[in-house]
Amino acid sequence: LFALLRNNEGDATIRTYHFEREECEWYI
């Protein structure tokens, strides 16, 4: 999940969130 987080001033940060499927099997 690649996210762009903006604030009210228009500045932004970019973040990459990585998930392996084997870590998510319970939720699946």
PDB file of all heavy atoms in Angstrom:
ATOM      1  N   LEU A   1       0.861  -1.176   0.000  1.00  0.00           N
ATOM      2  CA  LEU A   1       0.000   0.000   0.000  1.00  0.00           C
ATOM      3  C   LEU A   1       0.896   1.224   0.000  1.00  0.00           C
ATOM      4  O   LEU A   1       1.707   1.408   0.898  1.00  0.00           O
ATOM      5  CB  LEU A   1      -0.946   0.013   1.201  1.00  0.00           C
ATOM      6  CG  LEU A   1      -2.031   1.098   1.103  1.00  0.00           C
ATOM      7  CD1 LEU A   1      -3.371   0.573   1.601  1.00  0.00           C
ATOM      8  CD2 LEU A   1      -1.657   2.342   1.901  1.00  0.00           C
ATOM      9  N   PHE A   2       0.764   2.042  -1.025  1.00  0.00           N
ATOM     10  CA  PHE A   2       1.608   3.221  -1.241  1.00  0.00           C
ATOM     11  C   PHE A   2       0.757   4.441  -0.923  1.00  0.00           C
ATOM     12  O   PHE A   2      -0.256   4.690  -1.575  1.00  0.00           O
ATOM     13  CB  PHE A   2       2.058   3.228  -2.698  1.00  0.00           C
ATOM     14  CG  PHE A   2       3.234   4.107  -2.999  1.00  0.00           C
ATOM     15  CD1 PHE A   2       4.411   4.027  -2.270  1.00  0.00           C
ATOM     16  CD2 PHE A   2       3.176   4.999  -4.055  1.00  0.00           C
ATOM     17  CE1 PHE A   2       5.499   4.820  -2.578  1.00  0.00           C
ATOM     18  CE2 PHE A   2       4.267   5.793  -4.376  1.00  0.00           C
ATOM     19  CZ  PHE A   2       5.426   5.708  -3.630  1.00  0.00           C
ATOM     20  N   ALA A   3       1.145   5.189   0.109  1.00  0.00           N
ATOM     21  CA  ALA A   3       0.280   6.254   0.616  1.00  0.00           C
ATOM     22  C   ALA A   3       0.933   7.628   0.536  1.00  0.00           C
ATOM     23  O   ALA A   3       2.124   7.777   0.825  1.00  0.00           O
ATOM     24  CB  ALA A   3      -0.111   5.956   2.067  1.00  0.00           C
ATOM     25  N   LEU A   4       0.130   8.611   0.150  1.00  0.00           N
ATOM     26  CA  LEU A   4       0.534  10.007   0.183  1.00  0.00           C
ATOM     27  C   LEU A   4      -0.292  10.691   1.263  1.00  0.00           C
ATOM     28  O   LEU A   4      -1.522  10.747   1.164  1.00  0.00           O
ATOM     29  CB  LEU A   4       0.318  10.668  -1.176  1.00  0.00           C
ATOM     30  CG  LEU A   4       0.763  12.136  -1.316  1.00  0.00           C
ATOM     31  CD1 LEU A   4       1.211  12.415  -2.740  1.00  0.00           C
ATOM     32  CD2 LEU A   4      -0.384  13.095  -0.960  1.00  0.00           C
ATOM     33  N   LEU A   5       0.389  11.179   2.305  1.00  0.00           N
ATOM     34  CA  LEU A   5      -0.289  11.824   3.426  1.00  0.00           C
ATOM     35  C   LEU A   5      -0.061  13.329   3.345  1.00  0.00           C
ATOM     36  O   LEU A   5       1.075  13.803   3.454  1.00  0.00           O
ATOM     37  CB  LEU A   5       0.244  11.288   4.760  1.00  0.00           C
ATOM     38  CG  LEU A   5       0.350   9.764   4.905  1.00  0.00           C
ATOM     39  CD1 LEU A   5       0.858   9.400   6.301  1.00  0.00           C
ATOM     40  CD2 LEU A   5      -0.977   9.087   4.628  1.00  0.00           C
ATOM     41  N   ARG A   6      -1.144  14.093   3.148  1.00  0.00           N
ATOM     42  CA  ARG A   6      -1.043  15.553   3.019  1.00  0.00           C
ATOM     43  C   ARG A   6      -1.495  16.235   4.297  1.00  0.00           C
ATOM     44  O   ARG A   6      -2.351  15.729   5.022  1.00  0.00           O
ATOM     45  CB  ARG A   6      -1.918  16.043   1.869  1.00  0.00           C
ATOM     46  CG  ARG A   6      -1.512  15.594   0.494  1.00  0.00           C
ATOM     47  CD  ARG A   6      -2.288  16.380  -0.555  1.00  0.00           C
ATOM     48  NE  ARG A   6      -3.733  16.154  -0.466  1.00  0.00           N
ATOM     49  CZ  ARG A   6      -4.648  16.927  -1.038  1.00  0.00           C
ATOM     50  NH1 ARG A   6      -4.278  18.006  -1.720  1.00  0.00           N
ATOM     51  NH2 ARG A   6      -5.942  16.649  -0.936  1.00  0.00           N
ATOM     52  N   ASN A   7      -0.939  17.435   4.553  1.00  0.00           N
ATOM     53  CA  ASN A   7      -1.453  18.259   5.644  1.00  0.00           C
ATOM     54  C   ASN A   7      -2.163  19.475   5.056  1.00  0.00           C
ATOM     55  O   ASN A   7      -2.253  19.637   3.832  1.00  0.00           O
ATOM     56  CB  ASN A   7      -0.331  18.664   6.610  1.00  0.00           C
ATOM     57  CG  ASN A   7       0.758  19.497   5.927  1.00  0.00           C
ATOM     58  OD1 ASN A   7       0.518  20.137   4.901  1.00  0.00           O
ATOM     59  ND2 ASN A   7       1.959  19.487   6.490  1.00  0.00           N
ATOM     60  N   ASN A   8      -2.662  20.342   5.915  1.00  0.00           N
ATOM     61  CA  ASN A   8      -3.430  21.509   5.457  1.00  0.00           C
ATOM     62  C   ASN A   8      -2.600  22.513   4.675  1.00  0.00           C
ATOM     63  O   ASN A   8      -3.130  23.328   3.923  1.00  0.00           O
ATOM     64  CB  ASN A   8      -4.086  22.211   6.651  1.00  0.00           C
ATOM     65  CG  ASN A   8      -5.399  21.559   7.041  1.00  0.00           C
ATOM     66  OD1 ASN A   8      -5.991  20.841   6.244  1.00  0.00           O
ATOM     67  ND2 ASN A   8      -5.842  21.790   8.265  1.00  0.00           N
ATOM     68  N   GLU A   9      -1.278  22.488   4.894  1.00  0.00           N
ATOM     69  CA  GLU A   9      -0.396  23.434   4.207  1.00  0.00           C
ATOM     70  C   GLU A   9      -0.013  22.948   2.806  1.00  0.00           C
ATOM     71  O   GLU A   9       0.670  23.653   2.064  1.00  0.00           O
ATOM     72  CB  GLU A   9       0.876  23.666   5.024  1.00  0.00           C
ATOM     73  CG  GLU A   9       0.681  24.532   6.274  1.00  0.00           C
ATOM     74  CD  GLU A   9      -0.093  23.818   7.361  1.00  0.00           C
ATOM     75  OE1 GLU A   9       0.207  22.629   7.618  1.00  0.00           O
ATOM     76  OE2 GLU A   9      -1.012  24.436   7.940  1.00  0.00           O
ATOM     77  N   GLY A  10      -0.426  21.720   2.471  1.00  0.00           N
ATOM     78  CA  GLY A  10      -0.097  21.195   1.151  1.00  0.00           C
ATOM     79  C   GLY A  10       1.169  20.364   1.125  1.00  0.00           C
ATOM     80  O   GLY A  10       1.534  19.819   0.081  1.00  0.00           O
ATOM     81  N   ASP A  11       1.892  20.282   2.272  1.00  0.00           N
ATOM     82  CA  ASP A  11       3.061  19.417   2.340  1.00  0.00           C
ATOM     83  C   ASP A  11       2.603  17.964   2.420  1.00  0.00           C
ATOM     84  O   ASP A  11       1.488  17.671   2.859  1.00  0.00           O
ATOM     85  CB  ASP A  11       3.910  19.754   3.565  1.00  0.00           C
ATOM     86  CG  ASP A  11       4.477  21.168   3.505  1.00  0.00           C
ATOM     87  OD1 ASP A  11       4.796  21.612   2.383  1.00  0.00           O
ATOM     88  OD2 ASP A  11       4.572  21.817   4.560  1.00  0.00           O
ATOM     89  N   ALA A  12       3.480  17.046   2.025  1.00  0.00           N
ATOM     90  CA  ALA A  12       3.073  15.643   1.999  1.00  0.00           C
ATOM     91  C   ALA A  12       4.258  14.725   2.278  1.00  0.00           C
ATOM     92  O   ALA A  12       5.412  15.091   2.054  1.00  0.00           O
ATOM     93  CB  ALA A  12       2.453  15.303   0.653  1.00  0.00           C
ATOM     94  N   THR A  13       3.951  13.546   2.779  1.00  0.00           N
ATOM     95  CA  THR A  13       4.942  12.488   2.940  1.00  0.00           C
ATOM     96  C   THR A  13       4.451  11.258   2.182  1.00  0.00           C
ATOM     97  O   THR A  13       3.252  11.041   2.032  1.00  0.00           O
ATOM     98  CB  THR A  13       5.151  12.120   4.421  1.00  0.00           C
ATOM     99  OG1 THR A  13       3.893  11.685   4.987  1.00  0.00           O
ATOM    100  CG2 THR A  13       5.668  13.300   5.210  1.00  0.00           C
ATOM    101  N   ILE A  14       5.401  10.463   1.703  1.00  0.00           N
ATOM    102  CA  ILE A  14       5.098   9.239   0.969  1.00  0.00           C
ATOM    103  C   ILE A  14       5.556   8.053   1.811  1.00  0.00           C
ATOM    104  O   ILE A  14       6.668   8.048   2.346  1.00  0.00           O
ATOM    105  CB  ILE A  14       5.827   9.200  -0.386  1.00  0.00           C
ATOM    106  CG1 ILE A  14       5.335  10.320  -1.303  1.00  0.00           C
ATOM    107  CG2 ILE A  14       5.655   7.842  -1.053  1.00  0.00           C
ATOM    108  CD1 ILE A  14       3.961  10.078  -1.880  1.00  0.00           C
ATOM    109  N   ARG A  15       4.680   7.065   1.941  1.00  0.00           N
ATOM    110  CA  ARG A  15       5.026   5.882   2.723  1.00  0.00           C
ATOM    111  C   ARG A  15       4.649   4.611   1.973  1.00  0.00           C
ATOM    112  O   ARG A  15       3.622   4.564   1.301  1.00  0.00           O
ATOM    113  CB  ARG A  15       4.321   5.912   4.085  1.00  0.00           C
ATOM    114  CG  ARG A  15       4.679   7.121   4.932  1.00  0.00           C
ATOM    115  CD  ARG A  15       3.999   7.068   6.284  1.00  0.00           C
ATOM    116  NE  ARG A  15       4.271   8.279   7.068  1.00  0.00           N
ATOM    117  CZ  ARG A  15       3.791   8.499   8.292  1.00  0.00           C
ATOM    118  NH1 ARG A  15       3.026   7.575   8.870  1.00  0.00           N
ATOM    119  NH2 ARG A  15       4.078   9.615   8.931  1.00  0.00           N
ATOM    120  N   THR A  16       5.489   3.593   2.112  1.00  0.00           N
ATOM    121  CA  THR A  16       5.206   2.267   1.564  1.00  0.00           C
ATOM    122  C   THR A  16       4.957   1.308   2.712  1.00  0.00           C
ATOM    123  O   THR A  16       5.797   1.180   3.609  1.00  0.00           O
ATOM    124  CB  THR A  16       6.379   1.746   0.703  1.00  0.00           C
ATOM    125  OG1 THR A  16       6.646   2.653  -0.368  1.00  0.00           O
ATOM    126  CG2 THR A  16       6.044   0.383   0.111  1.00  0.00           C
ATOM    127  N   TYR A  17       3.824   0.637   2.690  1.00  0.00           N
ATOM    128  CA  TYR A  17       3.480  -0.355   3.704  1.00  0.00           C
ATOM    129  C   TYR A  17       3.432  -1.723   3.021  1.00  0.00           C
ATOM    130  O   TYR A  17       2.643  -1.931   2.095  1.00  0.00           O
ATOM    131  CB  TYR A  17       2.132  -0.046   4.340  1.00  0.00           C
ATOM    132  CG  TYR A  17       2.072   1.287   5.056  1.00  0.00           C
ATOM    133  CD1 TYR A  17       1.779   2.460   4.355  1.00  0.00           C
ATOM    134  CD2 TYR A  17       2.301   1.384   6.421  1.00  0.00           C
ATOM    135  CE1 TYR A  17       1.717   3.687   5.000  1.00  0.00           C
ATOM    136  CE2 TYR A  17       2.238   2.604   7.086  1.00  0.00           C
ATOM    137  CZ  TYR A  17       1.949   3.752   6.360  1.00  0.00           C
ATOM    138  OH  TYR A  17       1.890   4.975   7.008  1.00  0.00           O
ATOM    139  N   HIS A  18       4.270  -2.642   3.483  1.00  0.00           N
ATOM    140  CA  HIS A  18       4.389  -3.958   2.849  1.00  0.00           C
ATOM    141  C   HIS A  18       3.797  -5.024   3.763  1.00  0.00           C
ATOM    142  O   HIS A  18       4.071  -5.059   4.968  1.00  0.00           O
ATOM    143  CB  HIS A  18       5.862  -4.279   2.567  1.00  0.00           C
ATOM    144  CG  HIS A  18       6.064  -5.627   1.942  1.00  0.00           C
ATOM    145  ND1 HIS A  18       5.945  -5.836   0.590  1.00  0.00           N
ATOM    146  CD2 HIS A  18       6.364  -6.837   2.497  1.00  0.00           C
ATOM    147  CE1 HIS A  18       6.170  -7.117   0.330  1.00  0.00           C
ATOM    148  NE2 HIS A  18       6.425  -7.750   1.469  1.00  0.00           N
ATOM    149  N   PHE A  19       2.982  -5.911   3.175  1.00  0.00           N
ATOM    150  CA  PHE A  19       2.366  -7.001   3.927  1.00  0.00           C
ATOM    151  C   PHE A  19       2.587  -8.317   3.190  1.00  0.00           C
ATOM    152  O   PHE A  19       2.288  -8.412   1.993  1.00  0.00           O
ATOM    153  CB  PHE A  19       0.862  -6.769   4.097  1.00  0.00           C
ATOM    154  CG  PHE A  19       0.507  -5.521   4.843  1.00  0.00           C
ATOM    155  CD1 PHE A  19       0.343  -4.312   4.173  1.00  0.00           C
ATOM    156  CD2 PHE A  19       0.355  -5.532   6.226  1.00  0.00           C
ATOM    157  CE1 PHE A  19       0.010  -3.148   4.853  1.00  0.00           C
ATOM    158  CE2 PHE A  19       0.031  -4.375   6.921  1.00  0.00           C
ATOM    159  CZ  PHE A  19      -0.133  -3.183   6.238  1.00  0.00           C
ATOM    160  N   GLU A  20       3.115  -9.309   3.888  1.00  0.00           N
ATOM    161  CA  GLU A  20       3.224 -10.652   3.338  1.00  0.00           C
ATOM    162  C   GLU A  20       1.916 -11.388   3.586  1.00  0.00           C
ATOM    163  O   GLU A  20       1.326 -11.289   4.653  1.00  0.00           O
ATOM    164  CB  GLU A  20       4.383 -11.407   3.986  1.00  0.00           C
ATOM    165  CG  GLU A  20       5.762 -10.915   3.567  1.00  0.00           C
ATOM    166  CD  GLU A  20       6.089 -11.286   2.121  1.00  0.00           C
ATOM    167  OE1 GLU A  20       5.600 -12.331   1.633  1.00  0.00           O
ATOM    168  OE2 GLU A  20       6.846 -10.513   1.481  1.00  0.00           O
ATOM    169  N   ARG A  21       1.475 -12.153   2.610  1.00  0.00           N
ATOM    170  CA  ARG A  21       0.179 -12.834   2.736  1.00  0.00           C
ATOM    171  C   ARG A  21       0.158 -13.776   3.935  1.00  0.00           C
ATOM    172  O   ARG A  21      -0.861 -13.872   4.631  1.00  0.00           O
ATOM    173  CB  ARG A  21      -0.147 -13.601   1.457  1.00  0.00           C
ATOM    174  CG  ARG A  21      -1.422 -14.421   1.617  1.00  0.00           C
ATOM    175  CD  ARG A  21      -1.992 -14.895   0.325  1.00  0.00           C
ATOM    176  NE  ARG A  21      -3.165 -15.736   0.546  1.00  0.00           N
ATOM    177  CZ  ARG A  21      -4.086 -15.985  -0.361  1.00  0.00           C
ATOM    178  NH1 ARG A  21      -3.976 -15.456  -1.562  1.00  0.00           N
ATOM    179  NH2 ARG A  21      -5.110 -16.766  -0.086  1.00  0.00           N
ATOM    180  N   GLU A  22       1.246 -14.475   4.182  1.00  0.00           N
ATOM    181  CA  GLU A  22       1.255 -15.437   5.283  1.00  0.00           C
ATOM    182  C   GLU A  22       1.010 -14.764   6.630  1.00  0.00           C
ATOM    183  O   GLU A  22       0.541 -15.405   7.570  1.00  0.00           O
ATOM    184  CB  GLU A  22       2.581 -16.200   5.317  1.00  0.00           C
ATOM    185  CG  GLU A  22       3.803 -15.339   5.527  1.00  0.00           C
ATOM    186  CD  GLU A  22       5.092 -16.124   5.450  1.00  0.00           C
ATOM    187  OE1 GLU A  22       5.064 -17.258   4.944  1.00  0.00           O
ATOM    188  OE2 GLU A  22       6.128 -15.595   5.899  1.00  0.00           O
ATOM    189  N   GLU A  23       1.304 -13.470   6.720  1.00  0.00           N
ATOM    190  CA  GLU A  23       1.037 -12.727   7.950  1.00  0.00           C
ATOM    191  C   GLU A  23      -0.437 -12.309   8.061  1.00  0.00           C
ATOM    192  O   GLU A  23      -0.875 -11.873   9.129  1.00  0.00           O
ATOM    193  CB  GLU A  23       1.910 -11.467   7.996  1.00  0.00           C
ATOM    194  CG  GLU A  23       3.400 -11.740   7.924  1.00  0.00           C
ATOM    195  CD  GLU A  23       4.221 -10.471   7.703  1.00  0.00           C
ATOM    196  OE1 GLU A  23       3.618  -9.434   7.340  1.00  0.00           O
ATOM    197  OE2 GLU A  23       5.445 -10.531   7.892  1.00  0.00           O
ATOM    198  N   CYS A  24      -1.170 -12.452   6.969  1.00  0.00           N
ATOM    199  CA  CYS A  24      -2.549 -11.941   6.910  1.00  0.00           C
ATOM    200  C   CYS A  24      -3.589 -13.056   6.828  1.00  0.00           C
ATOM    201  O   CYS A  24      -4.782 -12.769   6.691  1.00  0.00           O
ATOM    202  CB  CYS A  24      -2.701 -11.036   5.687  1.00  0.00           C
ATOM    203  SG  CYS A  24      -1.531  -9.659   5.607  1.00  0.00           S
ATOM    204  N   GLU A  25      -3.168 -14.319   6.908  1.00  0.00           N
ATOM    205  CA  GLU A  25      -4.086 -15.424   6.668  1.00  0.00           C
ATOM    206  C   GLU A  25      -5.265 -15.438   7.636  1.00  0.00           C
ATOM    207  O   GLU A  25      -6.387 -15.780   7.255  1.00  0.00           O
ATOM    208  CB  GLU A  25      -3.341 -16.766   6.719  1.00  0.00           C
ATOM    209  CG  GLU A  25      -2.464 -17.024   5.507  1.00  0.00           C
ATOM    210  CD  GLU A  25      -3.240 -17.164   4.202  1.00  0.00           C
ATOM    211  OE1 GLU A  25      -4.479 -17.286   4.240  1.00  0.00           O
ATOM    212  OE2 GLU A  25      -2.602 -17.137   3.138  1.00  0.00           O
ATOM    213  N   TRP A  26      -5.044 -15.074   8.903  1.00  0.00           N
ATOM    214  CA  TRP A  26      -6.146 -15.068   9.863  1.00  0.00           C
ATOM    215  C   TRP A  26      -7.223 -14.083   9.426  1.00  0.00           C
ATOM    216  O   TRP A  26      -8.420 -14.380   9.479  1.00  0.00           O
ATOM    217  CB  TRP A  26      -5.641 -14.703  11.258  1.00  0.00           C
ATOM    218  CG  TRP A  26      -6.689 -14.848  12.324  1.00  0.00           C
ATOM    219  CD1 TRP A  26      -6.948 -15.952  13.075  1.00  0.00           C
ATOM    220  CD2 TRP A  26      -7.642 -13.841  12.739  1.00  0.00           C
ATOM    221  NE1 TRP A  26      -8.002 -15.704  13.939  1.00  0.00           N
ATOM    222  CE2 TRP A  26      -8.448 -14.427  13.762  1.00  0.00           C
ATOM    223  CE3 TRP A  26      -7.893 -12.527  12.363  1.00  0.00           C
ATOM    224  CZ2 TRP A  26      -9.476 -13.729  14.398  1.00  0.00           C
ATOM    225  CZ3 TRP A  26      -8.924 -11.831  12.993  1.00  0.00           C
ATOM    226  CH2 TRP A  26      -9.697 -12.433  13.989  1.00  0.00           C
ATOM    227  N   TYR A  27      -6.794 -12.916   8.968  1.00  0.00           N
ATOM    228  CA  TYR A  27      -7.742 -11.893   8.529  1.00  0.00           C
ATOM    229  C   TYR A  27      -8.430 -12.314   7.232  1.00  0.00           C
ATOM    230  O   TYR A  27      -9.607 -12.017   7.020  1.00  0.00           O
ATOM    231  CB  TYR A  27      -7.015 -10.562   8.339  1.00  0.00           C
ATOM    232  CG  TYR A  27      -6.367 -10.062   9.598  1.00  0.00           C
ATOM    233  CD1 TYR A  27      -5.016 -10.302   9.848  1.00  0.00           C
ATOM    234  CD2 TYR A  27      -7.092  -9.366  10.559  1.00  0.00           C
ATOM    235  CE1 TYR A  27      -4.409  -9.857  11.017  1.00  0.00           C
ATOM    236  CE2 TYR A  27      -6.500  -8.915  11.731  1.00  0.00           C
ATOM    237  CZ  TYR A  27      -5.162  -9.175  11.947  1.00  0.00           C
ATOM    238  OH  TYR A  27      -4.576  -8.741  13.102  1.00  0.00           O
ATOM    239  N   ILE A  28      -7.702 -13.005   6.370  1.00  0.00           N
ATOM    240  CA  ILE A  28      -8.286 -13.479   5.111  1.00  0.00           C
ATOM    241  C   ILE A  28      -9.375 -14.504   5.386  1.00  0.00           C
ATOM    242  O   ILE A  28     -10.443 -14.477   4.755  1.00  0.00           O
ATOM    243  CB  ILE A  28      -7.187 -14.053   4.196  1.00  0.00           C
ATOM    244  CG1 ILE A  28      -6.306 -12.904   3.664  1.00  0.00           C
ATOM    245  CG2 ILE A  28      -7.786 -14.845   3.044  1.00  0.00           C
ATOM    246  CD1 ILE A  28      -5.111 -13.354   2.855  1.00  0.00           C
TER     247      ILE A  28
END
